[in-house]
Amino acid sequence: AGVVIDAIRCCKLALDRGKGGILYQPSA
């Protein structure tokens, strides 16, 4: 959970920015 809680917020940032597809930096 200590990692997922950041992954969720990075995903939200991508949604805010209109970015789709693989999020390479968070995934890495």
mmCIF file of all heavy atoms, coordinates in Angstrom:
data_MODEL
# 
_entry.id   MODEL 
# 
loop_
_atom_site.group_PDB 
_atom_site.id 
_atom_site.type_symbol 
_atom_site.label_atom_id 
_atom_site.label_alt_id 
_atom_site.label_comp_id 
_atom_site.label_asym_id 
_atom_site.label_entity_id 
_atom_site.label_seq_id 
_atom_site.pdbx_PDB_ins_code 
_atom_site.Cartn_x 
_atom_site.Cartn_y 
_atom_site.Cartn_z 
_atom_site.occupancy 
_atom_site.B_iso_or_equiv 
_atom_site.pdbx_formal_charge 
_atom_site.auth_seq_id 
_atom_site.auth_comp_id 
_atom_site.auth_asym_id 
_atom_site.auth_atom_id 
_atom_site.pdbx_PDB_model_num 
ATOM 1   N N   . ALA A 1 1  ? 0.820  -1.215 0.000   1.00 0.00 ? 1  ALA A N   1 
ATOM 2   C CA  . ALA A 1 1  ? 0.000  0.000  0.000   1.00 0.00 ? 1  ALA A CA  1 
ATOM 3   C C   . ALA A 1 1  ? 0.853  1.265  0.000   1.00 0.00 ? 1  ALA A C   1 
ATOM 4   O O   . ALA A 1 1  ? 0.451  2.296  -0.549  1.00 0.00 ? 1  ALA A O   1 
ATOM 5   C CB  . ALA A 1 1  ? -0.930 -0.004 1.209   1.00 0.00 ? 1  ALA A CB  1 
ATOM 6   N N   . GLY A 1 2  ? 2.051  1.196  0.595   1.00 0.00 ? 2  GLY A N   1 
ATOM 7   C CA  . GLY A 1 2  ? 2.935  2.350  0.628   1.00 0.00 ? 2  GLY A CA  1 
ATOM 8   C C   . GLY A 1 2  ? 3.397  2.797  -0.743  1.00 0.00 ? 2  GLY A C   1 
ATOM 9   O O   . GLY A 1 2  ? 3.877  3.927  -0.914  1.00 0.00 ? 2  GLY A O   1 
ATOM 10  N N   . VAL A 1 3  ? 3.274  1.911  -1.731  1.00 0.00 ? 3  VAL A N   1 
ATOM 11  C CA  . VAL A 1 3  ? 3.629  2.241  -3.108  1.00 0.00 ? 3  VAL A CA  1 
ATOM 12  C C   . VAL A 1 3  ? 2.378  2.558  -3.922  1.00 0.00 ? 3  VAL A C   1 
ATOM 13  O O   . VAL A 1 3  ? 2.340  3.520  -4.695  1.00 0.00 ? 3  VAL A O   1 
ATOM 14  C CB  . VAL A 1 3  ? 4.420  1.081  -3.752  1.00 0.00 ? 3  VAL A CB  1 
ATOM 15  C CG1 . VAL A 1 3  ? 4.747  1.383  -5.212  1.00 0.00 ? 3  VAL A CG1 1 
ATOM 16  C CG2 . VAL A 1 3  ? 5.709  0.829  -2.969  1.00 0.00 ? 3  VAL A CG2 1 
ATOM 17  N N   . VAL A 1 4  ? 1.329  1.762  -3.736  1.00 0.00 ? 4  VAL A N   1 
ATOM 18  C CA  . VAL A 1 4  ? 0.095  1.968  -4.498  1.00 0.00 ? 4  VAL A CA  1 
ATOM 19  C C   . VAL A 1 4  ? -0.490 3.359  -4.246  1.00 0.00 ? 4  VAL A C   1 
ATOM 20  O O   . VAL A 1 4  ? -1.046 3.987  -5.155  1.00 0.00 ? 4  VAL A O   1 
ATOM 21  C CB  . VAL A 1 4  ? -0.942 0.872  -4.162  1.00 0.00 ? 4  VAL A CB  1 
ATOM 22  C CG1 . VAL A 1 4  ? -2.278 1.159  -4.832  1.00 0.00 ? 4  VAL A CG1 1 
ATOM 23  C CG2 . VAL A 1 4  ? -0.426 -0.494 -4.593  1.00 0.00 ? 4  VAL A CG2 1 
ATOM 24  N N   . ILE A 1 5  ? -0.344 3.863  -3.034  1.00 0.00 ? 5  ILE A N   1 
ATOM 25  C CA  . ILE A 1 5  ? -0.921 5.160  -2.700  1.00 0.00 ? 5  ILE A CA  1 
ATOM 26  C C   . ILE A 1 5  ? -0.268 6.279  -3.520  1.00 0.00 ? 5  ILE A C   1 
ATOM 27  O O   . ILE A 1 5  ? -0.896 7.311  -3.797  1.00 0.00 ? 5  ILE A O   1 
ATOM 28  C CB  . ILE A 1 5  ? -0.815 5.432  -1.181  1.00 0.00 ? 5  ILE A CB  1 
ATOM 29  C CG1 . ILE A 1 5  ? -1.927 6.378  -0.735  1.00 0.00 ? 5  ILE A CG1 1 
ATOM 30  C CG2 . ILE A 1 5  ? 0.577  5.911  -0.778  1.00 0.00 ? 5  ILE A CG2 1 
ATOM 31  C CD1 . ILE A 1 5  ? -2.189 6.354  0.748   1.00 0.00 ? 5  ILE A CD1 1 
ATOM 32  N N   . ASP A 1 6  ? 0.981  6.070  -3.949  1.00 0.00 ? 6  ASP A N   1 
ATOM 33  C CA  . ASP A 1 6  ? 1.637  7.010  -4.854  1.00 0.00 ? 6  ASP A CA  1 
ATOM 34  C C   . ASP A 1 6  ? 1.265  6.740  -6.306  1.00 0.00 ? 6  ASP A C   1 
ATOM 35  O O   . ASP A 1 6  ? 1.103  7.673  -7.103  1.00 0.00 ? 6  ASP A O   1 
ATOM 36  C CB  . ASP A 1 6  ? 3.153  6.925  -4.696  1.00 0.00 ? 6  ASP A CB  1 
ATOM 37  C CG  . ASP A 1 6  ? 3.661  7.756  -3.528  1.00 0.00 ? 6  ASP A CG  1 
ATOM 38  O OD1 . ASP A 1 6  ? 2.837  8.109  -2.654  1.00 0.00 ? 6  ASP A OD1 1 
ATOM 39  O OD2 . ASP A 1 6  ? 4.867  8.048  -3.483  1.00 0.00 ? 6  ASP A OD2 1 
ATOM 40  N N   . ALA A 1 7  ? 1.132  5.460  -6.672  1.00 0.00 ? 7  ALA A N   1 
ATOM 41  C CA  . ALA A 1 7  ? 0.748  5.114  -8.046  1.00 0.00 ? 7  ALA A CA  1 
ATOM 42  C C   . ALA A 1 7  ? -0.609 5.713  -8.405  1.00 0.00 ? 7  ALA A C   1 
ATOM 43  O O   . ALA A 1 7  ? -0.813 6.214  -9.516  1.00 0.00 ? 7  ALA A O   1 
ATOM 44  C CB  . ALA A 1 7  ? 0.726  3.597  -8.215  1.00 0.00 ? 7  ALA A CB  1 
ATOM 45  N N   . ILE A 1 8  ? -1.545 5.675  -7.454  1.00 0.00 ? 8  ILE A N   1 
ATOM 46  C CA  . ILE A 1 8  ? -2.870 6.244  -7.692  1.00 0.00 ? 8  ILE A CA  1 
ATOM 47  C C   . ILE A 1 8  ? -2.771 7.728  -7.990  1.00 0.00 ? 8  ILE A C   1 
ATOM 48  O O   . ILE A 1 8  ? -3.379 8.241  -8.945  1.00 0.00 ? 8  ILE A O   1 
ATOM 49  C CB  . ILE A 1 8  ? -3.776 6.009  -6.457  1.00 0.00 ? 8  ILE A CB  1 
ATOM 50  C CG1 . ILE A 1 8  ? -4.102 4.526  -6.300  1.00 0.00 ? 8  ILE A CG1 1 
ATOM 51  C CG2 . ILE A 1 8  ? -5.065 6.832  -6.565  1.00 0.00 ? 8  ILE A CG2 1 
ATOM 52  C CD1 . ILE A 1 8  ? -4.734 4.185  -4.954  1.00 0.00 ? 8  ILE A CD1 1 
ATOM 53  N N   . ARG A 1 9  ? -1.979 8.435  -7.192  1.00 0.00 ? 9  ARG A N   1 
ATOM 54  C CA  . ARG A 1 9  ? -1.894 9.877  -7.379  1.00 0.00 ? 9  ARG A CA  1 
ATOM 55  C C   . ARG A 1 9  ? -1.131 10.245 -8.652  1.00 0.00 ? 9  ARG A C   1 
ATOM 56  O O   . ARG A 1 9  ? -1.460 11.236 -9.307  1.00 0.00 ? 9  ARG A O   1 
ATOM 57  C CB  . ARG A 1 9  ? -1.273 10.514 -6.135  1.00 0.00 ? 9  ARG A CB  1 
ATOM 58  C CG  . ARG A 1 9  ? -2.216 10.440 -4.922  1.00 0.00 ? 9  ARG A CG  1 
ATOM 59  C CD  . ARG A 1 9  ? -1.616 11.055 -3.679  1.00 0.00 ? 9  ARG A CD  1 
ATOM 60  N NE  . ARG A 1 9  ? -0.582 10.219 -3.099  1.00 0.00 ? 9  ARG A NE  1 
ATOM 61  C CZ  . ARG A 1 9  ? 0.255  10.634 -2.148  1.00 0.00 ? 9  ARG A CZ  1 
ATOM 62  N NH1 . ARG A 1 9  ? 0.179  11.887 -1.702  1.00 0.00 ? 9  ARG A NH1 1 
ATOM 63  N NH2 . ARG A 1 9  ? 1.149  9.799  -1.641  1.00 0.00 ? 9  ARG A NH2 1 
ATOM 64  N N   . CYS A 1 10 ? -0.145 9.442  -9.040  1.00 0.00 ? 10 CYS A N   1 
ATOM 65  C CA  . CYS A 1 10 ? 0.527  9.672  -10.326 1.00 0.00 ? 10 CYS A CA  1 
ATOM 66  C C   . CYS A 1 10 ? -0.440 9.447  -11.483 1.00 0.00 ? 10 CYS A C   1 
ATOM 67  O O   . CYS A 1 10 ? -0.417 10.168 -12.486 1.00 0.00 ? 10 CYS A O   1 
ATOM 68  C CB  . CYS A 1 10 ? 1.735  8.747  -10.465 1.00 0.00 ? 10 CYS A CB  1 
ATOM 69  S SG  . CYS A 1 10 ? 3.162  9.255  -9.474  1.00 0.00 ? 10 CYS A SG  1 
ATOM 70  N N   . CYS A 1 11 ? -1.286 8.436  -11.342 1.00 0.00 ? 11 CYS A N   1 
ATOM 71  C CA  . CYS A 1 11 ? -2.291 8.160  -12.366 1.00 0.00 ? 11 CYS A CA  1 
ATOM 72  C C   . CYS A 1 11 ? -3.246 9.341  -12.498 1.00 0.00 ? 11 CYS A C   1 
ATOM 73  O O   . CYS A 1 11 ? -3.636 9.733  -13.603 1.00 0.00 ? 11 CYS A O   1 
ATOM 74  C CB  . CYS A 1 11 ? -3.048 6.883  -11.995 1.00 0.00 ? 11 CYS A CB  1 
ATOM 75  S SG  . CYS A 1 11 ? -3.583 5.912  -13.399 1.00 0.00 ? 11 CYS A SG  1 
ATOM 76  N N   . LYS A 1 12 ? -3.630 9.917  -11.379 1.00 0.00 ? 12 LYS A N   1 
ATOM 77  C CA  . LYS A 1 12 ? -4.511 11.079 -11.393 1.00 0.00 ? 12 LYS A CA  1 
ATOM 78  C C   . LYS A 1 12 ? -3.845 12.277 -12.059 1.00 0.00 ? 12 LYS A C   1 
ATOM 79  O O   . LYS A 1 12 ? -4.481 13.021 -12.816 1.00 0.00 ? 12 LYS A O   1 
ATOM 80  C CB  . LYS A 1 12 ? -4.928 11.417 -9.961  1.00 0.00 ? 12 LYS A CB  1 
ATOM 81  C CG  . LYS A 1 12 ? -5.756 12.685 -9.826  1.00 0.00 ? 12 LYS A CG  1 
ATOM 82  C CD  . LYS A 1 12 ? -7.083 12.611 -10.579 1.00 0.00 ? 12 LYS A CD  1 
ATOM 83  C CE  . LYS A 1 12 ? -7.943 13.836 -10.253 1.00 0.00 ? 12 LYS A CE  1 
ATOM 84  N NZ  . LYS A 1 12 ? -9.178 13.870 -11.088 1.00 0.00 ? 12 LYS A NZ  1 
ATOM 85  N N   . LEU A 1 13 ? -2.548 12.476 -11.793 1.00 0.00 ? 13 LEU A N   1 
ATOM 86  C CA  . LEU A 1 13 ? -1.824 13.553 -12.462 1.00 0.00 ? 13 LEU A CA  1 
ATOM 87  C C   . LEU A 1 13 ? -1.868 13.373 -13.974 1.00 0.00 ? 13 LEU A C   1 
ATOM 88  O O   . LEU A 1 13 ? -2.054 14.337 -14.725 1.00 0.00 ? 13 LEU A O   1 
ATOM 89  C CB  . LEU A 1 13 ? -0.372 13.605 -11.988 1.00 0.00 ? 13 LEU A CB  1 
ATOM 90  C CG  . LEU A 1 13 ? -0.103 14.110 -10.571 1.00 0.00 ? 13 LEU A CG  1 
ATOM 91  C CD1 . LEU A 1 13 ? 1.395  14.106 -10.285 1.00 0.00 ? 13 LEU A CD1 1 
ATOM 92  C CD2 . LEU A 1 13 ? -0.665 15.500 -10.357 1.00 0.00 ? 13 LEU A CD2 1 
ATOM 93  N N   . ALA A 1 14 ? -1.697 12.131 -14.433 1.00 0.00 ? 14 ALA A N   1 
ATOM 94  C CA  . ALA A 1 14 ? -1.750 11.864 -15.872 1.00 0.00 ? 14 ALA A CA  1 
ATOM 95  C C   . ALA A 1 14 ? -3.132 12.185 -16.434 1.00 0.00 ? 14 ALA A C   1 
ATOM 96  O O   . ALA A 1 14 ? -3.255 12.759 -17.520 1.00 0.00 ? 14 ALA A O   1 
ATOM 97  C CB  . ALA A 1 14 ? -1.379 10.413 -16.150 1.00 0.00 ? 14 ALA A CB  1 
ATOM 98  N N   . LEU A 1 15 ? -4.181 11.823 -15.692 1.00 0.00 ? 15 LEU A N   1 
ATOM 99  C CA  . LEU A 1 15 ? -5.544 12.154 -16.130 1.00 0.00 ? 15 LEU A CA  1 
ATOM 100 C C   . LEU A 1 15 ? -5.717 13.670 -16.212 1.00 0.00 ? 15 LEU A C   1 
ATOM 101 O O   . LEU A 1 15 ? -6.306 14.193 -17.168 1.00 0.00 ? 15 LEU A O   1 
ATOM 102 C CB  . LEU A 1 15 ? -6.563 11.556 -15.162 1.00 0.00 ? 15 LEU A CB  1 
ATOM 103 C CG  . LEU A 1 15 ? -6.761 10.038 -15.225 1.00 0.00 ? 15 LEU A CG  1 
ATOM 104 C CD1 . LEU A 1 15 ? -7.560 9.555  -14.020 1.00 0.00 ? 15 LEU A CD1 1 
ATOM 105 C CD2 . LEU A 1 15 ? -7.468 9.639  -16.522 1.00 0.00 ? 15 LEU A CD2 1 
ATOM 106 N N   . ASP A 1 16 ? -5.212 14.384 -15.219 1.00 0.00 ? 16 ASP A N   1 
ATOM 107 C CA  . ASP A 1 16 ? -5.298 15.846 -15.232 1.00 0.00 ? 16 ASP A CA  1 
ATOM 108 C C   . ASP A 1 16 ? -4.582 16.444 -16.436 1.00 0.00 ? 16 ASP A C   1 
ATOM 109 O O   . ASP A 1 16 ? -5.011 17.468 -16.979 1.00 0.00 ? 16 ASP A O   1 
ATOM 110 C CB  . ASP A 1 16 ? -4.683 16.430 -13.955 1.00 0.00 ? 16 ASP A CB  1 
ATOM 111 C CG  . ASP A 1 16 ? -5.500 16.132 -12.705 1.00 0.00 ? 16 ASP A CG  1 
ATOM 112 O OD1 . ASP A 1 16 ? -6.678 15.724 -12.844 1.00 0.00 ? 16 ASP A OD1 1 
ATOM 113 O OD2 . ASP A 1 16 ? -4.960 16.310 -11.593 1.00 0.00 ? 16 ASP A OD2 1 
ATOM 114 N N   . ARG A 1 17 ? -3.504 15.811 -16.835 1.00 0.00 ? 17 ARG A N   1 
ATOM 115 C CA  . ARG A 1 17 ? -2.684 16.327 -17.934 1.00 0.00 ? 17 ARG A CA  1 
ATOM 116 C C   . ARG A 1 17 ? -3.136 15.830 -19.297 1.00 0.00 ? 17 ARG A C   1 
ATOM 117 O O   . ARG A 1 17 ? -2.544 16.170 -20.321 1.00 0.00 ? 17 ARG A O   1 
ATOM 118 C CB  . ARG A 1 17 ? -1.219 15.923 -17.710 1.00 0.00 ? 17 ARG A CB  1 
ATOM 119 C CG  . ARG A 1 17 ? -0.606 16.508 -16.448 1.00 0.00 ? 17 ARG A CG  1 
ATOM 120 C CD  . ARG A 1 17 ? 0.720  15.828 -16.094 1.00 0.00 ? 17 ARG A CD  1 
ATOM 121 N NE  . ARG A 1 17 ? 1.250  16.335 -14.823 1.00 0.00 ? 17 ARG A NE  1 
ATOM 122 C CZ  . ARG A 1 17 ? 2.297  15.811 -14.188 1.00 0.00 ? 17 ARG A CZ  1 
ATOM 123 N NH1 . ARG A 1 17 ? 2.915  14.752 -14.701 1.00 0.00 ? 17 ARG A NH1 1 
ATOM 124 N NH2 . ARG A 1 17 ? 2.725  16.325 -13.056 1.00 0.00 ? 17 ARG A NH2 1 
ATOM 125 N N   . GLY A 1 18 ? -4.165 14.971 -19.305 1.00 0.00 ? 18 GLY A N   1 
ATOM 126 C CA  . GLY A 1 18 ? -4.665 14.444 -20.569 1.00 0.00 ? 18 GLY A CA  1 
ATOM 127 C C   . GLY A 1 18 ? -3.731 13.439 -21.211 1.00 0.00 ? 18 GLY A C   1 
ATOM 128 O O   . GLY A 1 18 ? -3.745 13.261 -22.436 1.00 0.00 ? 18 GLY A O   1 
ATOM 129 N N   . LYS A 1 19 ? -2.924 12.762 -20.383 1.00 0.00 ? 19 LYS A N   1 
ATOM 130 C CA  . LYS A 1 19 ? -1.951 11.800 -20.907 1.00 0.00 ? 19 LYS A CA  1 
ATOM 131 C C   . LYS A 1 19 ? -2.486 10.392 -20.773 1.00 0.00 ? 19 LYS A C   1 
ATOM 132 O O   . LYS A 1 19 ? -2.867 9.965  -19.679 1.00 0.00 ? 19 LYS A O   1 
ATOM 133 C CB  . LYS A 1 19 ? -0.622 11.936 -20.158 1.00 0.00 ? 19 LYS A CB  1 
ATOM 134 C CG  . LYS A 1 19 ? 0.426  10.918 -20.596 1.00 0.00 ? 19 LYS A CG  1 
ATOM 135 C CD  . LYS A 1 19 ? 1.747  11.160 -19.926 1.00 0.00 ? 19 LYS A CD  1 
ATOM 136 C CE  . LYS A 1 19 ? 2.764  10.061 -20.269 1.00 0.00 ? 19 LYS A CE  1 
ATOM 137 N NZ  . LYS A 1 19 ? 2.941  9.878  -21.718 1.00 0.00 ? 19 LYS A NZ  1 
ATOM 138 N N   . GLY A 1 20 ? -2.511 9.638  -21.872 1.00 0.00 ? 20 GLY A N   1 
ATOM 139 C CA  . GLY A 1 20 ? -2.947 8.254  -21.842 1.00 0.00 ? 20 GLY A CA  1 
ATOM 140 C C   . GLY A 1 20 ? -1.822 7.302  -22.199 1.00 0.00 ? 20 GLY A C   1 
ATOM 141 O O   . GLY A 1 20 ? -0.704 7.712  -22.496 1.00 0.00 ? 20 GLY A O   1 
ATOM 142 N N   . GLY A 1 21 ? -2.118 6.018  -22.167 1.00 0.00 ? 21 GLY A N   1 
ATOM 143 C CA  . GLY A 1 21 ? -1.129 4.999  -22.466 1.00 0.00 ? 21 GLY A CA  1 
ATOM 144 C C   . GLY A 1 21 ? -0.227 4.708  -21.280 1.00 0.00 ? 21 GLY A C   1 
ATOM 145 O O   . GLY A 1 21 ? -0.539 5.058  -20.138 1.00 0.00 ? 21 GLY A O   1 
ATOM 146 N N   . ILE A 1 22 ? 0.897  4.075  -21.561 1.00 0.00 ? 22 ILE A N   1 
ATOM 147 C CA  . ILE A 1 22 ? 1.824  3.672  -20.496 1.00 0.00 ? 22 ILE A CA  1 
ATOM 148 C C   . ILE A 1 22 ? 2.403  4.898  -19.798 1.00 0.00 ? 22 ILE A C   1 
ATOM 149 O O   . ILE A 1 22 ? 2.873  5.832  -20.454 1.00 0.00 ? 22 ILE A O   1 
ATOM 150 C CB  . ILE A 1 22 ? 2.979  2.845  -21.070 1.00 0.00 ? 22 ILE A CB  1 
ATOM 151 C CG1 . ILE A 1 22 ? 2.459  1.559  -21.729 1.00 0.00 ? 22 ILE A CG1 1 
ATOM 152 C CG2 . ILE A 1 22 ? 3.981  2.488  -19.970 1.00 0.00 ? 22 ILE A CG2 1 
ATOM 153 C CD1 . ILE A 1 22 ? 3.509  0.864  -22.587 1.00 0.00 ? 22 ILE A CD1 1 
ATOM 154 N N   . LEU A 1 23 ? 2.385  4.887  -18.488 1.00 0.00 ? 23 LEU A N   1 
ATOM 155 C CA  . LEU A 1 23 ? 3.110  5.876  -17.701 1.00 0.00 ? 23 LEU A CA  1 
ATOM 156 C C   . LEU A 1 23 ? 4.459  5.247  -17.348 1.00 0.00 ? 23 LEU A C   1 
ATOM 157 O O   . LEU A 1 23 ? 4.577  4.480  -16.382 1.00 0.00 ? 23 LEU A O   1 
ATOM 158 C CB  . LEU A 1 23 ? 2.325  6.258  -16.446 1.00 0.00 ? 23 LEU A CB  1 
ATOM 159 C CG  . LEU A 1 23 ? 0.914  6.818  -16.669 1.00 0.00 ? 23 LEU A CG  1 
ATOM 160 C CD1 . LEU A 1 23 ? 0.303  7.288  -15.353 1.00 0.00 ? 23 LEU A CD1 1 
ATOM 161 C CD2 . LEU A 1 23 ? 0.909  7.955  -17.688 1.00 0.00 ? 23 LEU A CD2 1 
ATOM 162 N N   . TYR A 1 24 ? 5.470  5.539  -18.158 1.00 0.00 ? 24 TYR A N   1 
ATOM 163 C CA  . TYR A 1 24 ? 6.749  4.834  -18.052 1.00 0.00 ? 24 TYR A CA  1 
ATOM 164 C C   . TYR A 1 24 ? 7.477  5.119  -16.738 1.00 0.00 ? 24 TYR A C   1 
ATOM 165 O O   . TYR A 1 24 ? 8.051  4.209  -16.128 1.00 0.00 ? 24 TYR A O   1 
ATOM 166 C CB  . TYR A 1 24 ? 7.654  5.204  -19.235 1.00 0.00 ? 24 TYR A CB  1 
ATOM 167 C CG  . TYR A 1 24 ? 7.234  4.556  -20.524 1.00 0.00 ? 24 TYR A CG  1 
ATOM 168 C CD1 . TYR A 1 24 ? 6.492  5.262  -21.470 1.00 0.00 ? 24 TYR A CD1 1 
ATOM 169 C CD2 . TYR A 1 24 ? 7.561  3.226  -20.802 1.00 0.00 ? 24 TYR A CD2 1 
ATOM 170 C CE1 . TYR A 1 24 ? 6.094  4.672  -22.659 1.00 0.00 ? 24 TYR A CE1 1 
ATOM 171 C CE2 . TYR A 1 24 ? 7.173  2.621  -21.985 1.00 0.00 ? 24 TYR A CE2 1 
ATOM 172 C CZ  . TYR A 1 24 ? 6.434  3.346  -22.914 1.00 0.00 ? 24 TYR A CZ  1 
ATOM 173 O OH  . TYR A 1 24 ? 6.033  2.757  -24.083 1.00 0.00 ? 24 TYR A OH  1 
ATOM 174 N N   . GLN A 1 25 ? 7.454  6.390  -16.299 1.00 0.00 ? 25 GLN A N   1 
ATOM 175 C CA  . GLN A 1 25 ? 8.201  6.723  -15.082 1.00 0.00 ? 25 GLN A CA  1 
ATOM 176 C C   . GLN A 1 25 ? 7.592  6.062  -13.840 1.00 0.00 ? 25 GLN A C   1 
ATOM 177 O O   . GLN A 1 25 ? 8.311  5.394  -13.082 1.00 0.00 ? 25 GLN A O   1 
ATOM 178 C CB  . GLN A 1 25 ? 8.273  8.246  -14.904 1.00 0.00 ? 25 GLN A CB  1 
ATOM 179 C CG  . GLN A 1 25 ? 8.937  8.988  -16.071 1.00 0.00 ? 25 GLN A CG  1 
ATOM 180 C CD  . GLN A 1 25 ? 7.905  9.526  -17.048 1.00 0.00 ? 25 GLN A CD  1 
ATOM 181 O OE1 . GLN A 1 25 ? 6.901  8.864  -17.325 1.00 0.00 ? 25 GLN A OE1 1 
ATOM 182 N NE2 . GLN A 1 25 ? 8.154  10.717 -17.567 1.00 0.00 ? 25 GLN A NE2 1 
ATOM 183 N N   . PRO A 1 26 ? 6.281  6.208  -13.598 1.00 0.00 ? 26 PRO A N   1 
ATOM 184 C CA  . PRO A 1 26 ? 5.696  5.501  -12.451 1.00 0.00 ? 26 PRO A CA  1 
ATOM 185 C C   . PRO A 1 26 ? 5.826  3.986  -12.555 1.00 0.00 ? 26 PRO A C   1 
ATOM 186 O O   . PRO A 1 26 ? 6.076  3.307  -11.549 1.00 0.00 ? 26 PRO A O   1 
ATOM 187 C CB  . PRO A 1 26 ? 4.228  5.938  -12.487 1.00 0.00 ? 26 PRO A CB  1 
ATOM 188 C CG  . PRO A 1 26 ? 4.240  7.258  -13.183 1.00 0.00 ? 26 PRO A CG  1 
ATOM 189 C CD  . PRO A 1 26 ? 5.319  7.128  -14.217 1.00 0.00 ? 26 PRO A CD  1 
ATOM 190 N N   . SER A 1 27 ? 5.667  3.441  -13.748 1.00 0.00 ? 27 SER A N   1 
ATOM 191 C CA  . SER A 1 27 ? 5.795  1.999  -13.911 1.00 0.00 ? 27 SER A CA  1 
ATOM 192 C C   . SER A 1 27 ? 7.200  1.524  -13.557 1.00 0.00 ? 27 SER A C   1 
ATOM 193 O O   . SER A 1 27 ? 7.377  0.508  -12.889 1.00 0.00 ? 27 SER A O   1 
ATOM 194 C CB  . SER A 1 27 ? 5.449  1.589  -15.352 1.00 0.00 ? 27 SER A CB  1 
ATOM 195 O OG  . SER A 1 27 ? 4.088  1.828  -15.643 1.00 0.00 ? 27 SER A OG  1 
ATOM 196 N N   . ALA A 1 28 ? 8.210  2.280  -13.985 1.00 0.00 ? 28 ALA A N   1 
ATOM 197 C CA  . ALA A 1 28 ? 9.594  1.884  -13.715 1.00 0.00 ? 28 ALA A CA  1 
ATOM 198 C C   . ALA A 1 28 ? 9.906  1.920  -12.225 1.00 0.00 ? 28 ALA A C   1 
ATOM 199 O O   . ALA A 1 28 ? 10.634 1.068  -11.716 1.00 0.00 ? 28 ALA A O   1 
ATOM 200 C CB  . ALA A 1 28 ? 10.552 2.801  -14.470 1.00 0.00 ? 28 ALA A CB  1 
# 
